[in-house]
Protein backbone atom coordinates (compact mmCIF):
# COMPACT_ATOMS: atom_id res chain seq x y z
CA ALA A 1 -0.57 -7.55 16.76
CA ILE A 2 -0.31 -10.16 19.50
CA ALA A 3 3.49 -9.81 19.61
CA CYS A 4 2.96 -6.11 20.33
CA GLY A 5 0.68 -6.80 23.30
CA PHE A 6 -2.75 -6.63 21.63
CA PHE A 7 -5.28 -9.38 22.30
CA SER A 8 -6.47 -9.52 18.69
CA SER A 9 -5.75 -8.08 15.29
CA SER A 10 -9.12 -6.29 15.27
CA HIS A 11 -8.25 -4.51 18.52
CA PHE A 12 -4.91 -3.47 17.03
CA SER A 13 -6.65 -2.15 13.91
CA LYS A 14 -9.07 -0.06 15.99
CA CYS A 15 -6.24 1.46 18.03
CA PHE A 16 -4.16 2.06 14.89
CA LYS A 17 -7.04 3.92 13.25
CA ILE A 18 -7.60 6.10 16.32
CA ILE A 19 -3.93 7.08 16.45
CA HIS A 20 -3.13 7.36 12.74
CA GLY A 21 -6.52 8.24 11.26
CA THR A 22 -6.37 5.38 8.77
CA THR A 23 -6.55 1.61 8.83
CA PRO A 24 -3.41 -0.54 8.71
CA GLN A 25 -4.50 -1.84 5.29
CA GLN A 26 -4.93 1.64 3.84
CA CYS A 27 -1.58 2.64 5.31
CA ARG A 28 0.14 -0.33 3.64
CA LEU A 29 -1.42 0.67 0.32
CA THR A 30 -0.23 4.27 0.52
CA VAL A 31 3.29 3.85 1.94
CA PRO A 32 5.88 3.23 -0.79
CA ALA A 33 7.23 -0.33 -0.89
CA TRP A 34 10.82 0.94 -0.53
CA VAL A 35 10.13 2.33 2.95
CA GLY A 36 11.60 -0.26 5.27
CA PRO A 37 10.95 -0.98 8.94
CA GLY A 38 11.76 1.95 11.18
CA LEU A 39 11.93 4.39 8.29
CA GLY A 40 8.27 5.31 8.00
């Protein structure tokens, strides 16, 4: 999160949920493991 310009991981999570409608953790649980970076 910090490497992407966010001040904290909690701030990143809040912004992620606003944009995507789900938390980063829930997204990781639902996206297939074979989907690599930049493909999903």
